[in-house]
Amino acid sequence: MAKTQLGARVDQDIADLAKKRAADLGLSIGDYLARLVQEDASGLRARAVGAAAGFLADHQAVFDEAEQSASQPSRGAHAA
């Protein structure tokens, strides 16, 4: 497939983040941006976010309990 060059202006922090993520994934910046666009256009990203939100909603009580337990001092534990 033929490649087309695009140009875009973004803040430096966004450019740095995009370059880092692309490198972390072993992708060129162009391939990384293409992947993001394909995921967005296919609805993959929206489905993933929706699934995560559903998971959190279904298990919120477990997370609340774990957070509450973590914020309470352990019984029987004493400072030296």
C-alpha atoms as a PDB file:
ATOM      1  CA  MET A   1       0.000   0.000   0.000  1.00  0.00           C
ATOM      2  CA  ALA A   2       1.326   3.449  -0.894  1.00  0.00           C
ATOM      3  CA  LYS A   3       2.228   5.719   1.999  1.00  0.00           C
ATOM      4  CA  THR A   4       1.122   9.332   2.305  1.00  0.00           C
ATOM      5  CA  GLN A   5       2.946  11.886   4.384  1.00  0.00           C
ATOM      6  CA  LEU A   6       0.895  13.859   6.900  1.00  0.00           C
ATOM      7  CA  GLY A   7       1.911  16.857   8.946  1.00  0.00           C
ATOM      8  CA  ALA A   8       0.529  17.875  12.308  1.00  0.00           C
ATOM      9  CA  ARG A   9       1.458  20.352  15.004  1.00  0.00           C
ATOM     10  CA  VAL A  10       1.237  19.179  18.601  1.00  0.00           C
ATOM     11  CA  ASP A  11       2.620  20.409  21.903  1.00  0.00           C
ATOM     12  CA  GLN A  12       6.172  19.258  22.632  1.00  0.00           C
ATOM     13  CA  ASP A  13       5.055  17.077  25.561  1.00  0.00           C
ATOM     14  CA  ILE A  14       2.609  15.230  23.292  1.00  0.00           C
ATOM     15  CA  ALA A  15       5.303  14.751  20.639  1.00  0.00           C
ATOM     16  CA  ASP A  16       7.716  13.399  23.256  1.00  0.00           C
ATOM     17  CA  LEU A  17       5.078  11.061  24.670  1.00  0.00           C
ATOM     18  CA  ALA A  18       4.147   9.754  21.213  1.00  0.00           C
ATOM     19  CA  LYS A  19       7.807   9.101  20.380  1.00  0.00           C
ATOM     20  CA  LYS A  20       8.355   7.295  23.688  1.00  0.00           C
ATOM     21  CA  ARG A  21       5.260   5.104  23.313  1.00  0.00           C
ATOM     22  CA  ALA A  22       6.174   4.253  19.729  1.00  0.00           C
ATOM     23  CA  ALA A  23       9.687   3.289  20.831  1.00  0.00           C
ATOM     24  CA  ASP A  24       8.320   1.254  23.754  1.00  0.00           C
ATOM     25  CA  LEU A  25       6.176  -0.697  21.305  1.00  0.00           C
ATOM     26  CA  GLY A  26       8.990  -1.069  18.774  1.00  0.00           C
ATOM     27  CA  LEU A  27       7.097   0.983  16.197  1.00  0.00           C
ATOM     28  CA  SER A  28       7.949   3.980  14.075  1.00  0.00           C
ATOM     29  CA  ILE A  29       5.982   7.098  14.945  1.00  0.00           C
ATOM     30  CA  GLY A  30       4.047   6.684  11.670  1.00  0.00           C
ATOM     31  CA  ASP A  31       3.121   3.074  12.450  1.00  0.00           C
ATOM     32  CA  TYR A  32       2.159   4.031  16.001  1.00  0.00           C
ATOM     33  CA  LEU A  33      -0.136   6.823  14.779  1.00  0.00           C
ATOM     34  CA  ALA A  34      -1.619   4.508  12.141  1.00  0.00           C
ATOM     35  CA  ARG A  35      -2.375   1.953  14.868  1.00  0.00           C
ATOM     36  CA  LEU A  36      -4.094   4.589  17.019  1.00  0.00           C
ATOM     37  CA  VAL A  37      -6.238   5.759  14.106  1.00  0.00           C
ATOM     38  CA  GLN A  38      -7.194   2.194  13.149  1.00  0.00           C
ATOM     39  CA  GLU A  39      -8.130   1.356  16.753  1.00  0.00           C
ATOM     40  CA  ASP A  40     -10.198   4.523  17.012  1.00  0.00           C
ATOM     41  CA  ALA A  41     -11.938   4.017  13.674  1.00  0.00           C
ATOM     42  CA  SER A  42     -12.700   0.355  14.364  1.00  0.00           C
ATOM     43  CA  GLY A  43     -14.186   1.154  17.765  1.00  0.00           C
ATOM     44  CA  LEU A  44     -11.616  -1.076  19.486  1.00  0.00           C
ATOM     45  CA  ARG A  45     -10.523   1.673  21.870  1.00  0.00           C
ATOM     46  CA  ALA A  46     -14.131   2.558  22.760  1.00  0.00           C
ATOM     47  CA  ARG A  47     -14.988  -1.106  23.365  1.00  0.00           C
ATOM     48  CA  ALA A  48     -11.924  -1.546  25.587  1.00  0.00           C
ATOM     49  CA  VAL A  49     -12.788   1.529  27.644  1.00  0.00           C
ATOM     50  CA  GLY A  50     -16.397   0.350  27.900  1.00  0.00           C
ATOM     51  CA  ALA A  51     -15.311  -3.102  29.024  1.00  0.00           C
ATOM     52  CA  ALA A  52     -13.012  -1.623  31.655  1.00  0.00           C
ATOM     53  CA  ALA A  53     -15.791   0.642  32.931  1.00  0.00           C
ATOM     54  CA  GLY A  54     -18.163  -2.329  33.116  1.00  0.00           C
ATOM     55  CA  PHE A  55     -15.592  -4.398  35.003  1.00  0.00           C
ATOM     56  CA  LEU A  56     -15.035  -1.596  37.503  1.00  0.00           C
ATOM     57  CA  ALA A  57     -18.775  -1.101  37.974  1.00  0.00           C
ATOM     58  CA  ASP A  58     -19.335  -4.836  38.490  1.00  0.00           C
ATOM     59  CA  HIS A  59     -16.516  -5.116  41.035  1.00  0.00           C
ATOM     60  CA  GLN A  60     -16.593  -1.702  42.699  1.00  0.00           C
ATOM     61  CA  ALA A  61     -17.447  -3.186  46.114  1.00  0.00           C
ATOM     62  CA  VAL A  62     -14.309  -5.337  46.033  1.00  0.00           C
ATOM     63  CA  PHE A  63     -12.149  -2.320  45.175  1.00  0.00           C
ATOM     64  CA  ASP A  64     -13.811  -0.222  47.880  1.00  0.00           C
ATOM     65  CA  GLU A  65     -13.226  -2.941  50.474  1.00  0.00           C
ATOM     66  CA  ALA A  66      -9.569  -3.353  49.490  1.00  0.00           C
ATOM     67  CA  GLU A  67      -9.007   0.392  49.620  1.00  0.00           C
ATOM     68  CA  GLN A  68     -10.684   0.656  53.007  1.00  0.00           C
ATOM     69  CA  SER A  69      -8.619  -2.244  54.376  1.00  0.00           C
ATOM     70  CA  ALA A  70      -5.420  -0.685  53.096  1.00  0.00           C
ATOM     71  CA  SER A  71      -6.139   2.601  54.834  1.00  0.00           C
ATOM     72  CA  GLN A  72      -6.767   0.967  58.252  1.00  0.00           C
ATOM     73  CA  PRO A  73      -3.821  -0.016  60.444  1.00  0.00           C
ATOM     74  CA  SER A  74      -3.321  -3.750  60.851  1.00  0.00           C
ATOM     75  CA  ARG A  75      -4.495  -5.174  64.151  1.00  0.00           C
ATOM     76  CA  GLY A  76      -1.687  -6.409  66.315  1.00  0.00           C
ATOM     77  CA  ALA A  77       0.935  -4.462  64.431  1.00  0.00           C
ATOM     78  CA  HIS A  78       2.894  -2.177  66.676  1.00  0.00           C
ATOM     79  CA  ALA A  79       5.585   0.325  65.924  1.00  0.00           C
ATOM     80  CA  ALA A  80       8.969  -0.528  67.375  1.00  0.00           C
END
